[in-house]
Amino acid sequence: MPIILAIETSSEMASCALLRGDQVHSRESSGVRTHSQSVLPMIQELLAEAGIALADVDAIAYGAGPGSFTGVRTACGIAQGLGFGAAKPLLPIVTLDAMALACRQQHGAGAVLAVLDARMNEVYWAQYRFDGEAPLAVLPPVLSAPEGVQPAAVDGALAACGNGFAAYAEALSGLACAAGAHAALMPHAVQIAQLGRIAFAAGQGVTAAAAQPLYLRNKVAYTKAEREEMKAGGAGA
């Protein structure tokens, strides 16, 4: 199985992970201002612990966003530097995808609404279902006001996760899933690595030069008609 190194710095916690065979080892460091200084030492620790060099890694996955602008740039930039130096492909992974996978792993969720605080009274959010190992987007990642979070109907329970439910508790309280939301669940390099392995197997690696962060603020919001169409499609699926 391929060896995947993963970097995630889109929130106040930086994390790195090394997925090798069936085992994944990780490191964490809190404090958004120290991400750029903490990531490389954590990577060095993981490689030393596994007894391998960067040259032995098959690909480098990173949390591409959405998230903190500085954070997603940090993850992308460090991944690019390592990718250039070691001639390794990069695997951009959506942070909300990683949250959905963690919610399934930790809480057995079959359908997940992931909501991240985007500051400025806005949130990043997406809705997922599972048909196998990887999350499938029912409603793809988008930026909106908290009141704009409108999940599609699902058969069974819809689990919710992300710090958006803590930051905008009142605005999101009308959602049926809000009361049991796992607000402390955030993007982590462990799930970035696991999704990276799936992406690597699917041939989705990119060159270091082609790697980019995902900035949803640069994306025009879906129209109401487009959202209704996606919701209808998700319900039908």
C-alpha atoms as a PDB file:
ATOM      1  CA  MET A   1       0.000   0.000   0.000  1.00  0.00           C
ATOM      2  CA  PRO A   2       1.245   3.527  -0.730  1.00  0.00           C
ATOM      3  CA  ILE A   3       2.772   5.616   2.049  1.00  0.00           C
ATOM      4  CA  ILE A   4       0.998   8.975   2.410  1.00  0.00           C
ATOM      5  CA  LEU A   5       2.284  11.998   4.290  1.00  0.00           C
ATOM      6  CA  ALA A   6      -0.449  14.497   5.207  1.00  0.00           C
ATOM      7  CA  ILE A   7      -0.497  18.138   6.343  1.00  0.00           C
ATOM      8  CA  GLU A   8      -3.521  20.020   7.709  1.00  0.00           C
ATOM      9  CA  THR A   9      -3.320  23.638   8.928  1.00  0.00           C
ATOM     10  CA  SER A  10      -6.690  25.153   7.979  1.00  0.00           C
ATOM     11  CA  SER A  11      -7.752  25.855  11.576  1.00  0.00           C
ATOM     12  CA  GLU A  12      -6.169  26.840  14.892  1.00  0.00           C
ATOM     13  CA  MET A  13      -4.723  23.347  15.216  1.00  0.00           C
ATOM     14  CA  ALA A  14      -1.977  22.137  12.890  1.00  0.00           C
ATOM     15  CA  SER A  15      -1.627  18.404  12.370  1.00  0.00           C
ATOM     16  CA  CYS A  16       0.531  16.043  10.351  1.00  0.00           C
ATOM     17  CA  ALA A  17       0.047  12.340   9.729  1.00  0.00           C
ATOM     18  CA  LEU A  18       1.885   9.441   8.142  1.00  0.00           C
ATOM     19  CA  LEU A  19      -0.240   6.615   6.750  1.00  0.00           C
ATOM     20  CA  ARG A  20       1.742   3.437   6.224  1.00  0.00           C
ATOM     21  CA  GLY A  21      -0.066   0.179   5.651  1.00  0.00           C
ATOM     22  CA  ASP A  22      -2.915  -0.085   8.123  1.00  0.00           C
ATOM     23  CA  GLN A  23      -1.274   2.237  10.637  1.00  0.00           C
ATOM     24  CA  VAL A  24      -1.501   6.004  10.815  1.00  0.00           C
ATOM     25  CA  HIS A  25       0.623   8.098  13.173  1.00  0.00           C
ATOM     26  CA  SER A  26       0.038  11.789  13.771  1.00  0.00           C
ATOM     27  CA  ARG A  27       1.219  14.903  15.549  1.00  0.00           C
ATOM     28  CA  GLU A  28      -0.698  18.032  16.576  1.00  0.00           C
ATOM     29  CA  SER A  29       0.238  21.586  17.485  1.00  0.00           C
ATOM     30  CA  SER A  30      -2.145  24.357  18.574  1.00  0.00           C
ATOM     31  CA  GLY A  31      -1.685  28.047  17.854  1.00  0.00           C
ATOM     32  CA  VAL A  32      -2.353  29.391  14.380  1.00  0.00           C
ATOM     33  CA  ARG A  33       0.667  31.729  14.476  1.00  0.00           C
ATOM     34  CA  THR A  34       3.081  28.810  14.858  1.00  0.00           C
ATOM     35  CA  HIS A  35       1.839  26.588  12.048  1.00  0.00           C
ATOM     36  CA  SER A  36       4.658  27.408   9.653  1.00  0.00           C
ATOM     37  CA  GLN A  37       7.242  26.714  12.367  1.00  0.00           C
ATOM     38  CA  SER A  38       5.651  23.570  13.789  1.00  0.00           C
ATOM     39  CA  VAL A  39       4.796  21.519  10.693  1.00  0.00           C
ATOM     40  CA  LEU A  40       8.294  20.569   9.499  1.00  0.00           C
ATOM     41  CA  PRO A  41       9.481  19.394  12.947  1.00  0.00           C
ATOM     42  CA  MET A  42       6.326  17.265  13.253  1.00  0.00           C
ATOM     43  CA  ILE A  43       6.979  15.737   9.834  1.00  0.00           C
ATOM     44  CA  GLN A  44      10.568  14.983  10.801  1.00  0.00           C
ATOM     45  CA  GLU A  45       9.359  13.263  13.966  1.00  0.00           C
ATOM     46  CA  LEU A  46       6.896  11.106  12.053  1.00  0.00           C
ATOM     47  CA  LEU A  47       9.457  10.046   9.457  1.00  0.00           C
ATOM     48  CA  ALA A  48      12.023   9.253  12.157  1.00  0.00           C
ATOM     49  CA  GLU A  49       9.444   7.278  14.123  1.00  0.00           C
ATOM     50  CA  ALA A  50       8.654   5.201  11.031  1.00  0.00           C
ATOM     51  CA  GLY A  51      12.330   4.799  10.162  1.00  0.00           C
ATOM     52  CA  ILE A  52      11.893   6.161   6.649  1.00  0.00           C
ATOM     53  CA  ALA A  53      12.947   9.205   4.643  1.00  0.00           C
ATOM     54  CA  LEU A  54      10.797  11.618   2.648  1.00  0.00           C
ATOM     55  CA  ALA A  55      12.025   9.832  -0.476  1.00  0.00           C
ATOM     56  CA  ASP A  56      10.158   6.709   0.698  1.00  0.00           C
ATOM     57  CA  VAL A  57       6.805   8.511   0.780  1.00  0.00           C
ATOM     58  CA  ASP A  58       4.616   7.937  -2.284  1.00  0.00           C
ATOM     59  CA  ALA A  59       2.607  11.181  -2.140  1.00  0.00           C
ATOM     60  CA  ILE A  60       1.908  14.220   0.022  1.00  0.00           C
ATOM     61  CA  ALA A  61      -1.692  15.073   0.888  1.00  0.00           C
ATOM     62  CA  TYR A  62      -2.694  18.443   2.268  1.00  0.00           C
ATOM     63  CA  GLY A  63      -5.849  20.133   3.501  1.00  0.00           C
ATOM     64  CA  ALA A  64      -6.599  22.405   0.562  1.00  0.00           C
ATOM     65  CA  GLY A  65      -9.453  24.249   2.248  1.00  0.00           C
ATOM     66  CA  PRO A  66     -11.816  25.780   2.840  1.00  0.00           C
ATOM     67  CA  GLY A  67     -10.493  27.285   6.045  1.00  0.00           C
ATOM     68  CA  SER A  68      -8.225  30.026   7.285  1.00  0.00           C
ATOM     69  CA  PHE A  69      -6.617  31.801   4.320  1.00  0.00           C
ATOM     70  CA  THR A  70      -3.234  31.773   6.025  1.00  0.00           C
ATOM     71  CA  GLY A  71      -3.699  28.174   7.109  1.00  0.00           C
ATOM     72  CA  VAL A  72      -4.574  26.715   3.737  1.00  0.00           C
ATOM     73  CA  ARG A  73      -1.746  28.669   2.116  1.00  0.00           C
ATOM     74  CA  THR A  74       0.644  27.266   4.714  1.00  0.00           C
ATOM     75  CA  ALA A  75      -0.368  23.660   4.073  1.00  0.00           C
ATOM     76  CA  CYS A  76      -0.230  24.103   0.320  1.00  0.00           C
ATOM     77  CA  GLY A  77       3.103  25.933   0.421  1.00  0.00           C
ATOM     78  CA  ILE A  78       4.814  23.374   2.647  1.00  0.00           C
ATOM     79  CA  ALA A  79       3.417  20.511   0.578  1.00  0.00           C
ATOM     80  CA  GLN A  80       4.684  22.212  -2.583  1.00  0.00           C
ATOM     81  CA  GLY A  81       8.152  22.662  -1.114  1.00  0.00           C
ATOM     82  CA  LEU A  82       8.358  19.029  -0.070  1.00  0.00           C
ATOM     83  CA  GLY A  83       6.876  17.878  -3.354  1.00  0.00           C
ATOM     84  CA  PHE A  84       9.356  19.861  -5.412  1.00  0.00           C
ATOM     85  CA  GLY A  85      12.312  18.716  -3.339  1.00  0.00           C
ATOM     86  CA  ALA A  86      11.407  15.028  -3.299  1.00  0.00           C
ATOM     87  CA  ALA A  87       9.673  14.880  -6.709  1.00  0.00           C
ATOM     88  CA  LYS A  88       6.445  13.599  -5.170  1.00  0.00           C
ATOM     89  CA  PRO A  89       2.845  14.129  -6.342  1.00  0.00           C
ATOM     90  CA  LEU A  90       0.528  16.203  -4.198  1.00  0.00           C
ATOM     91  CA  LEU A  91      -3.023  15.309  -3.207  1.00  0.00           C
ATOM     92  CA  PRO A  92      -5.302  18.305  -2.444  1.00  0.00           C
ATOM     93  CA  ILE A  93      -8.037  17.178  -0.033  1.00  0.00           C
ATOM     94  CA  VAL A  94     -11.116  19.230   0.845  1.00  0.00           C
ATOM     95  CA  THR A  95     -11.192  19.912   4.584  1.00  0.00           C
ATOM     96  CA  LEU A  96     -14.956  19.408   4.825  1.00  0.00           C
ATOM     97  CA  ASP A  97     -14.536  15.953   3.248  1.00  0.00           C
ATOM     98  CA  ALA A  98     -12.064  15.084   5.989  1.00  0.00           C
ATOM     99  CA  MET A  99     -14.491  16.283   8.664  1.00  0.00           C
ATOM    100  CA  ALA A 100     -17.263  14.134   7.234  1.00  0.00           C
ATOM    101  CA  LEU A 101     -15.005  11.070   7.277  1.00  0.00           C
ATOM    102  CA  ALA A 102     -14.004  11.748  10.888  1.00  0.00           C
ATOM    103  CA  CYS A 103     -17.665  12.103  11.847  1.00  0.00           C
ATOM    104  CA  ARG A 104     -18.401   8.718  10.315  1.00  0.00           C
ATOM    105  CA  GLN A 105     -15.421   7.074  11.983  1.00  0.00           C
ATOM    106  CA  GLN A 106     -16.051   8.548  15.417  1.00  0.00           C
ATOM    107  CA  HIS A 107     -19.848   8.585  15.514  1.00  0.00           C
ATOM    108  CA  GLY A 108     -20.982   6.064  12.891  1.00  0.00           C
ATOM    109  CA  ALA A 109     -22.699   8.723  10.796  1.00  0.00           C
ATOM    110  CA  GLY A 110     -24.153   7.727   7.446  1.00  0.00           C
ATOM    111  CA  ALA A 111     -25.049  11.287   6.458  1.00  0.00           C
ATOM    112  CA  VAL A 112     -23.084  14.342   7.591  1.00  0.00           C
ATOM    113  CA  LEU A 113     -23.504  18.115   7.530  1.00  0.00           C
ATOM    114  CA  ALA A 114     -20.094  19.764   8.040  1.00  0.00           C
ATOM    115  CA  VAL A 115     -20.059  23.468   8.961  1.00  0.00           C
ATOM    116  CA  LEU A 116     -16.914  25.537   9.530  1.00  0.00           C
ATOM    117  CA  ASP A 117     -16.757  29.067  10.895  1.00  0.00           C
ATOM    118  CA  ALA A 118     -15.561  31.307   8.047  1.00  0.00           C
ATOM    119  CA  ARG A 119     -15.608  34.460  10.205  1.00  0.00           C
ATOM    120  CA  MET A 120     -17.333  37.678   9.068  1.00  0.00           C
ATOM    121  CA  ASN A 121     -20.700  36.064   9.937  1.00  0.00           C
ATOM    122  CA  GLU A 122     -20.263  33.387   7.276  1.00  0.00           C
ATOM    123  CA  VAL A 123     -19.719  29.649   7.223  1.00  0.00           C
ATOM    124  CA  TYR A 124     -18.243  27.049   4.899  1.00  0.00           C
ATOM    125  CA  TRP A 125     -20.505  24.034   4.658  1.00  0.00           C
ATOM    126  CA  ALA A 126     -21.258  20.886   2.714  1.00  0.00           C
ATOM    127  CA  GLN A 127     -23.437  17.804   3.082  1.00  0.00           C
ATOM    128  CA  TYR A 128     -22.281  14.215   2.545  1.00  0.00           C
ATOM    129  CA  ARG A 129     -23.489  10.661   2.376  1.00  0.00           C
ATOM    130  CA  PHE A 130     -21.473   7.464   2.464  1.00  0.00           C
ATOM    131  CA  ASP A 131     -21.563   4.618  -0.009  1.00  0.00           C
ATOM    132  CA  GLY A 132     -18.319   2.883   0.815  1.00  0.00           C
ATOM    133  CA  GLU A 133     -15.216   4.327   2.404  1.00  0.00           C
ATOM    134  CA  ALA A 134     -15.158   7.868   1.046  1.00  0.00           C
ATOM    135  CA  PRO A 135     -17.711  10.655   1.607  1.00  0.00           C
ATOM    136  CA  LEU A 136     -19.823  11.643  -1.386  1.00  0.00           C
ATOM    137  CA  ALA A 137     -20.963  15.257  -1.612  1.00  0.00           C
ATOM    138  CA  VAL A 138     -24.742  15.640  -1.708  1.00  0.00           C
ATOM    139  CA  LEU A 139     -24.328  19.421  -1.516  1.00  0.00           C
ATOM    140  CA  PRO A 140     -20.767  20.512  -2.418  1.00  0.00           C
ATOM    141  CA  PRO A 141     -18.752  22.986  -0.326  1.00  0.00           C
ATOM    142  CA  VAL A 142     -20.068  26.529  -0.403  1.00  0.00           C
ATOM    143  CA  LEU A 143     -19.756  29.794   1.518  1.00  0.00           C
ATOM    144  CA  SER A 144     -22.897  31.380   2.934  1.00  0.00           C
ATOM    145  CA  ALA A 145     -24.395  33.173   5.906  1.00  0.00           C
ATOM    146  CA  PRO A 146     -25.281  30.749   8.729  1.00  0.00           C
ATOM    147  CA  GLU A 147     -28.951  31.209   7.843  1.00  0.00           C
ATOM    148  CA  GLY A 148     -28.119  29.921   4.365  1.00  0.00           C
ATOM    149  CA  VAL A 149     -27.228  26.438   5.598  1.00  0.00           C
ATOM    150  CA  GLN A 150     -30.074  24.367   4.168  1.00  0.00           C
ATOM    151  CA  PRO A 151     -29.338  20.623   4.126  1.00  0.00           C
ATOM    152  CA  ALA A 152     -31.126  18.253   1.816  1.00  0.00           C
ATOM    153  CA  ALA A 153     -33.593  15.755   3.239  1.00  0.00           C
ATOM    154  CA  VAL A 154     -32.116  12.355   4.099  1.00  0.00           C
ATOM    155  CA  ASP A 155     -33.456   8.941   5.016  1.00  0.00           C
ATOM    156  CA  GLY A 156     -32.529   8.486   8.650  1.00  0.00           C
ATOM    157  CA  ALA A 157     -30.435  10.737  10.854  1.00  0.00           C
ATOM    158  CA  LEU A 158     -28.243  13.572   9.654  1.00  0.00           C
ATOM    159  CA  ALA A 159     -25.164  14.063  11.840  1.00  0.00           C
ATOM    160  CA  ALA A 160     -23.638  17.524  12.162  1.00  0.00           C
ATOM    161  CA  CYS A 161     -20.084  18.588  12.925  1.00  0.00           C
ATOM    162  CA  GLY A 162     -17.771  21.584  12.909  1.00  0.00           C
ATOM    163  CA  ASN A 163     -17.157  24.754  14.903  1.00  0.00           C
ATOM    164  CA  GLY A 164     -19.789  26.628  12.918  1.00  0.00           C
ATOM    165  CA  PHE A 165     -22.347  25.121  15.288  1.00  0.00           C
ATOM    166  CA  ALA A 166     -20.572  26.717  18.246  1.00  0.00           C
ATOM    167  CA  ALA A 167     -19.866  30.057  16.577  1.00  0.00           C
ATOM    168  CA  TYR A 168     -23.404  30.514  15.232  1.00  0.00           C
ATOM    169  CA  ALA A 169     -25.456  28.391  17.605  1.00  0.00           C
ATOM    170  CA  GLU A 170     -28.497  30.664  17.522  1.00  0.00           C
ATOM    171  CA  ALA A 171     -28.575  31.044  13.730  1.00  0.00           C
ATOM    172  CA  LEU A 172     -28.253  27.282  13.207  1.00  0.00           C
ATOM    173  CA  SER A 173     -30.572  26.247  16.046  1.00  0.00           C
ATOM    174  CA  GLY A 174     -33.456  25.732  13.646  1.00  0.00           C
ATOM    175  CA  LEU A 175     -31.731  22.763  12.020  1.00  0.00           C
ATOM    176  CA  ALA A 176     -32.891  19.418  13.386  1.00  0.00           C
ATOM    177  CA  CYS A 177     -29.306  18.163  13.536  1.00  0.00           C
ATOM    178  CA  ALA A 178     -27.962  21.166  15.463  1.00  0.00           C
ATOM    179  CA  ALA A 179     -28.865  19.945  18.944  1.00  0.00           C
ATOM    180  CA  GLY A 180     -26.538  16.947  18.708  1.00  0.00           C
ATOM    181  CA  ALA A 181     -23.842  18.611  16.620  1.00  0.00           C
ATOM    182  CA  HIS A 182     -20.230  17.596  17.252  1.00  0.00           C
ATOM    183  CA  ALA A 183     -18.932  21.164  17.294  1.00  0.00           C
ATOM    184  CA  ALA A 184     -15.428  20.206  18.433  1.00  0.00           C
ATOM    185  CA  LEU A 185     -14.804  18.002  15.395  1.00  0.00           C
ATOM    186  CA  MET A 186     -12.433  19.786  13.033  1.00  0.00           C
ATOM    187  CA  PRO A 187     -10.235  18.907  10.026  1.00  0.00           C
ATOM    188  CA  HIS A 188      -7.314  16.625  10.923  1.00  0.00           C
ATOM    189  CA  ALA A 189      -4.350  15.209   9.010  1.00  0.00           C
ATOM    190  CA  VAL A 190      -5.361  11.621   9.837  1.00  0.00           C
ATOM    191  CA  GLN A 191      -8.427  11.825   7.602  1.00  0.00           C
ATOM    192  CA  ILE A 192      -6.501  13.938   5.072  1.00  0.00           C
ATOM    193  CA  ALA A 193      -4.042  11.035   4.783  1.00  0.00           C
ATOM    194  CA  GLN A 194      -6.804   8.432   4.483  1.00  0.00           C
ATOM    195  CA  LEU A 195      -8.613  10.363   1.781  1.00  0.00           C
ATOM    196  CA  GLY A 196      -5.247  11.049   0.174  1.00  0.00           C
ATOM    197  CA  ARG A 197      -4.626   7.345  -0.227  1.00  0.00           C
ATOM    198  CA  ILE A 198      -7.985   6.953  -1.965  1.00  0.00           C
ATOM    199  CA  ALA A 199      -7.172   9.891  -4.246  1.00  0.00           C
ATOM    200  CA  PHE A 200      -3.718   8.486  -4.986  1.00  0.00           C
ATOM    201  CA  ALA A 201      -5.189   5.122  -5.959  1.00  0.00           C
ATOM    202  CA  ALA A 202      -7.578   6.946  -8.291  1.00  0.00           C
ATOM    203  CA  GLY A 203      -4.691   8.741  -9.989  1.00  0.00           C
ATOM    204  CA  GLN A 204      -5.716  12.163  -8.709  1.00  0.00           C
ATOM    205  CA  GLY A 205      -2.254  13.398  -7.764  1.00  0.00           C
ATOM    206  CA  VAL A 206      -1.068  16.737  -9.129  1.00  0.00           C
ATOM    207  CA  THR A 207       2.370  18.240  -9.573  1.00  0.00           C
ATOM    208  CA  ALA A 208       3.688  20.642  -6.964  1.00  0.00           C
ATOM    209  CA  ALA A 209       3.403  23.479  -9.482  1.00  0.00           C
ATOM    210  CA  ALA A 210      -0.283  22.733 -10.069  1.00  0.00           C
ATOM    211  CA  ALA A 211      -1.298  22.512  -6.400  1.00  0.00           C
ATOM    212  CA  GLN A 212      -3.645  25.254  -5.201  1.00  0.00           C
ATOM    213  CA  PRO A 213      -5.619  26.133  -2.068  1.00  0.00           C
ATOM    214  CA  LEU A 214      -9.427  26.096  -2.215  1.00  0.00           C
ATOM    215  CA  TYR A 215     -10.725  29.628  -1.641  1.00  0.00           C
ATOM    216  CA  LEU A 216     -14.507  29.598  -1.551  1.00  0.00           C
ATOM    217  CA  ARG A 217     -14.623  33.356  -1.004  1.00  0.00           C
ATOM    218  CA  ASN A 218     -13.432  33.690  -4.599  1.00  0.00           C
ATOM    219  CA  LYS A 219     -16.370  31.615  -5.772  1.00  0.00           C
ATOM    220  CA  VAL A 220     -19.752  33.110  -6.568  1.00  0.00           C
ATOM    221  CA  ALA A 221     -22.395  31.575  -4.308  1.00  0.00           C
ATOM    222  CA  TYR A 222     -24.844  29.166  -5.857  1.00  0.00           C
ATOM    223  CA  THR A 223     -28.176  30.731  -6.775  1.00  0.00           C
ATOM    224  CA  LYS A 224     -31.267  29.685  -4.861  1.00  0.00           C
ATOM    225  CA  ALA A 225     -32.464  27.721  -7.883  1.00  0.00           C
ATOM    226  CA  GLU A 226     -29.137  25.884  -8.145  1.00  0.00           C
ATOM    227  CA  ARG A 227     -29.216  24.991  -4.439  1.00  0.00           C
ATOM    228  CA  GLU A 228     -32.788  23.704  -4.720  1.00  0.00           C
ATOM    229  CA  GLU A 229     -31.809  21.605  -7.719  1.00  0.00           C
ATOM    230  CA  MET A 230     -28.835  20.107  -5.823  1.00  0.00           C
ATOM    231  CA  LYS A 231     -31.010  19.438  -2.780  1.00  0.00           C
ATOM    232  CA  ALA A 232     -33.559  17.643  -4.933  1.00  0.00           C
ATOM    233  CA  GLY A 233     -30.806  15.600  -6.520  1.00  0.00           C
ATOM    234  CA  GLY A 234     -29.342  14.727  -3.126  1.00  0.00           C
ATOM    235  CA  ALA A 235     -32.706  13.625  -1.793  1.00  0.00           C
ATOM    236  CA  GLY A 236     -33.223  11.477  -4.857  1.00  0.00           C
ATOM    237  CA  ALA A 237     -29.818   9.860  -4.381  1.00  0.00           C
END
